[in-house]
Amino acid sequence: MPNLSIKDVPEAWTEALRQRAARNHRSLQGELMAILERVMAEGEAPAGNDARGKPVLRRGTRTIEQIHADHLLRFPKPIKGARSVDLIREDRDAR
């Protein structure tokens, strides 16, 4: 099997990984392998293609409706000011 090496890992990450490995009764190597196995298993199922036929590499967990509801909570009032379409029309008509 090939070997992997990661350089310049922040000390805080290294310590957190060591503690996690100890909690799971694994060596640091074993904990890193377990993390990689879980991530690879999650990513093995193909997500399909988007509307343009390009492969989808990552899917979110929220629906469009949930995202819309979150935006309404964060921005309850419409943004004031000129709409971009109006600015473009004004610029085009000025020529």
C-alpha atoms as a PDB file:
ATOM      1  CA  MET A   1       0.000   0.000   0.000  1.00  0.00           C
ATOM      2  CA  PRO A   2       1.225   3.521  -0.690  1.00  0.00           C
ATOM      3  CA  ASN A   3       2.055   5.901   2.143  1.00  0.00           C
ATOM      4  CA  LEU A   4       0.681   9.410   2.587  1.00  0.00           C
ATOM      5  CA  SER A   5       2.393  12.240   4.408  1.00  0.00           C
ATOM      6  CA  ILE A   6       0.880  15.545   5.507  1.00  0.00           C
ATOM      7  CA  LYS A   7       3.251  18.384   6.330  1.00  0.00           C
ATOM      8  CA  ASP A   8       2.755  21.510   8.435  1.00  0.00           C
ATOM      9  CA  VAL A   9      -0.268  20.250  10.382  1.00  0.00           C
ATOM     10  CA  PRO A  10      -1.212  22.808  13.056  1.00  0.00           C
ATOM     11  CA  GLU A  11      -0.265  21.668  16.553  1.00  0.00           C
ATOM     12  CA  ALA A  12      -3.845  22.102  17.791  1.00  0.00           C
ATOM     13  CA  TRP A  13      -5.112  19.716  15.092  1.00  0.00           C
ATOM     14  CA  THR A  14      -2.442  17.167  15.940  1.00  0.00           C
ATOM     15  CA  GLU A  15      -3.342  17.255  19.621  1.00  0.00           C
ATOM     16  CA  ALA A  16      -7.074  17.036  18.866  1.00  0.00           C
ATOM     17  CA  LEU A  17      -6.449  13.999  16.643  1.00  0.00           C
ATOM     18  CA  ARG A  18      -4.328  12.348  19.343  1.00  0.00           C
ATOM     19  CA  GLN A  19      -7.077  12.884  21.916  1.00  0.00           C
ATOM     20  CA  ARG A  20      -9.713  11.569  19.509  1.00  0.00           C
ATOM     21  CA  ALA A  21      -7.593   8.488  18.820  1.00  0.00           C
ATOM     22  CA  ALA A  22      -7.198   7.865  22.558  1.00  0.00           C
ATOM     23  CA  ARG A  23     -10.978   8.187  23.122  1.00  0.00           C
ATOM     24  CA  ASN A  24     -11.573   5.620  20.379  1.00  0.00           C
ATOM     25  CA  HIS A  25      -8.790   3.307  21.651  1.00  0.00           C
ATOM     26  CA  ARG A  26      -6.838   3.641  18.414  1.00  0.00           C
ATOM     27  CA  SER A  27      -3.381   4.715  17.418  1.00  0.00           C
ATOM     28  CA  LEU A  28      -3.073   8.030  15.607  1.00  0.00           C
ATOM     29  CA  GLN A  29      -2.545   6.058  12.379  1.00  0.00           C
ATOM     30  CA  GLY A  30      -5.653   3.965  13.067  1.00  0.00           C
ATOM     31  CA  GLU A  31      -7.761   7.044  13.814  1.00  0.00           C
ATOM     32  CA  LEU A  32      -6.662   8.751  10.604  1.00  0.00           C
ATOM     33  CA  MET A  33      -7.489   5.597   8.618  1.00  0.00           C
ATOM     34  CA  ALA A  34     -10.944   5.425  10.258  1.00  0.00           C
ATOM     35  CA  ILE A  35     -11.610   9.070   9.357  1.00  0.00           C
ATOM     36  CA  LEU A  36     -10.502   8.517   5.760  1.00  0.00           C
ATOM     37  CA  GLU A  37     -12.563   5.326   5.432  1.00  0.00           C
ATOM     38  CA  ARG A  38     -15.705   7.117   6.651  1.00  0.00           C
ATOM     39  CA  VAL A  39     -15.184  10.088   4.327  1.00  0.00           C
ATOM     40  CA  MET A  40     -14.465   7.874   1.332  1.00  0.00           C
ATOM     41  CA  ALA A  41     -17.553   5.734   2.012  1.00  0.00           C
ATOM     42  CA  GLU A  42     -19.729   8.867   2.139  1.00  0.00           C
ATOM     43  CA  GLY A  43     -18.297  10.161  -1.123  1.00  0.00           C
ATOM     44  CA  GLU A  44     -18.469   6.941  -3.151  1.00  0.00           C
ATOM     45  CA  ALA A  45     -22.077   7.271  -4.270  1.00  0.00           C
ATOM     46  CA  PRO A  46     -22.191   9.395  -7.420  1.00  0.00           C
ATOM     47  CA  ALA A  47     -24.265  12.535  -7.015  1.00  0.00           C
ATOM     48  CA  GLY A  48     -25.351  12.643 -10.661  1.00  0.00           C
ATOM     49  CA  ASN A  49     -25.260  15.599 -13.026  1.00  0.00           C
ATOM     50  CA  ASP A  50     -26.516  19.144 -12.700  1.00  0.00           C
ATOM     51  CA  ALA A  51     -28.788  20.891 -15.209  1.00  0.00           C
ATOM     52  CA  ARG A  52     -25.822  21.563 -17.524  1.00  0.00           C
ATOM     53  CA  GLY A  53     -24.741  17.927 -17.536  1.00  0.00           C
ATOM     54  CA  LYS A  54     -21.709  18.589 -15.331  1.00  0.00           C
ATOM     55  CA  PRO A  55     -21.096  16.101 -12.492  1.00  0.00           C
ATOM     56  CA  VAL A  56     -22.276  17.244  -9.083  1.00  0.00           C
ATOM     57  CA  LEU A  57     -19.378  16.844  -6.700  1.00  0.00           C
ATOM     58  CA  ARG A  58     -21.146  17.835  -3.512  1.00  0.00           C
ATOM     59  CA  ARG A  59     -24.747  17.988  -2.426  1.00  0.00           C
ATOM     60  CA  GLY A  60     -26.120  20.104   0.352  1.00  0.00           C
ATOM     61  CA  THR A  61     -28.459  18.834   3.003  1.00  0.00           C
ATOM     62  CA  ARG A  62     -31.015  21.654   2.866  1.00  0.00           C
ATOM     63  CA  THR A  63     -33.807  22.084   0.351  1.00  0.00           C
ATOM     64  CA  ILE A  64     -34.389  25.253  -1.668  1.00  0.00           C
ATOM     65  CA  GLU A  65     -37.373  26.011   0.565  1.00  0.00           C
ATOM     66  CA  GLN A  66     -35.226  25.774   3.708  1.00  0.00           C
ATOM     67  CA  ILE A  67     -32.572  28.043   2.226  1.00  0.00           C
ATOM     68  CA  HIS A  68     -35.269  30.521   1.176  1.00  0.00           C
ATOM     69  CA  ALA A  69     -36.772  30.504   4.683  1.00  0.00           C
ATOM     70  CA  ASP A  70     -33.321  31.146   6.199  1.00  0.00           C
ATOM     71  CA  HIS A  71     -32.787  34.093   3.859  1.00  0.00           C
ATOM     72  CA  LEU A  72     -36.181  35.538   4.765  1.00  0.00           C
ATOM     73  CA  LEU A  73     -35.228  35.371   8.437  1.00  0.00           C
ATOM     74  CA  ARG A  74     -31.888  37.076   7.804  1.00  0.00           C
ATOM     75  CA  PHE A  75     -33.210  39.628   5.318  1.00  0.00           C
ATOM     76  CA  PRO A  76     -36.916  40.228   6.036  1.00  0.00           C
ATOM     77  CA  LYS A  77     -37.096  43.484   4.082  1.00  0.00           C
ATOM     78  CA  PRO A  78     -36.195  43.795   0.412  1.00  0.00           C
ATOM     79  CA  ILE A  79     -32.920  45.515  -0.343  1.00  0.00           C
ATOM     80  CA  LYS A  80     -33.559  49.121  -1.252  1.00  0.00           C
ATOM     81  CA  GLY A  81     -31.931  50.800  -4.179  1.00  0.00           C
ATOM     82  CA  ALA A  82     -31.856  50.503  -7.911  1.00  0.00           C
ATOM     83  CA  ARG A  83     -32.327  47.092  -9.459  1.00  0.00           C
ATOM     84  CA  SER A  84     -29.490  45.925 -11.645  1.00  0.00           C
ATOM     85  CA  VAL A  85     -31.816  45.461 -14.604  1.00  0.00           C
ATOM     86  CA  ASP A  86     -32.882  49.117 -14.337  1.00  0.00           C
ATOM     87  CA  LEU A  87     -29.255  50.280 -14.254  1.00  0.00           C
ATOM     88  CA  ILE A  88     -28.399  48.209 -17.325  1.00  0.00           C
ATOM     89  CA  ARG A  89     -31.424  49.484 -19.240  1.00  0.00           C
ATOM     90  CA  GLU A  90     -30.596  53.071 -18.322  1.00  0.00           C
ATOM     91  CA  ASP A  91     -27.008  52.643 -19.496  1.00  0.00           C
ATOM     92  CA  ARG A  92     -28.104  50.921 -22.723  1.00  0.00           C
ATOM     93  CA  ASP A  93     -30.755  53.547 -23.485  1.00  0.00           C
ATOM     94  CA  ALA A  94     -28.277  56.383 -22.918  1.00  0.00           C
ATOM     95  CA  ARG A  95     -26.247  55.308 -25.956  1.00  0.00           C
END
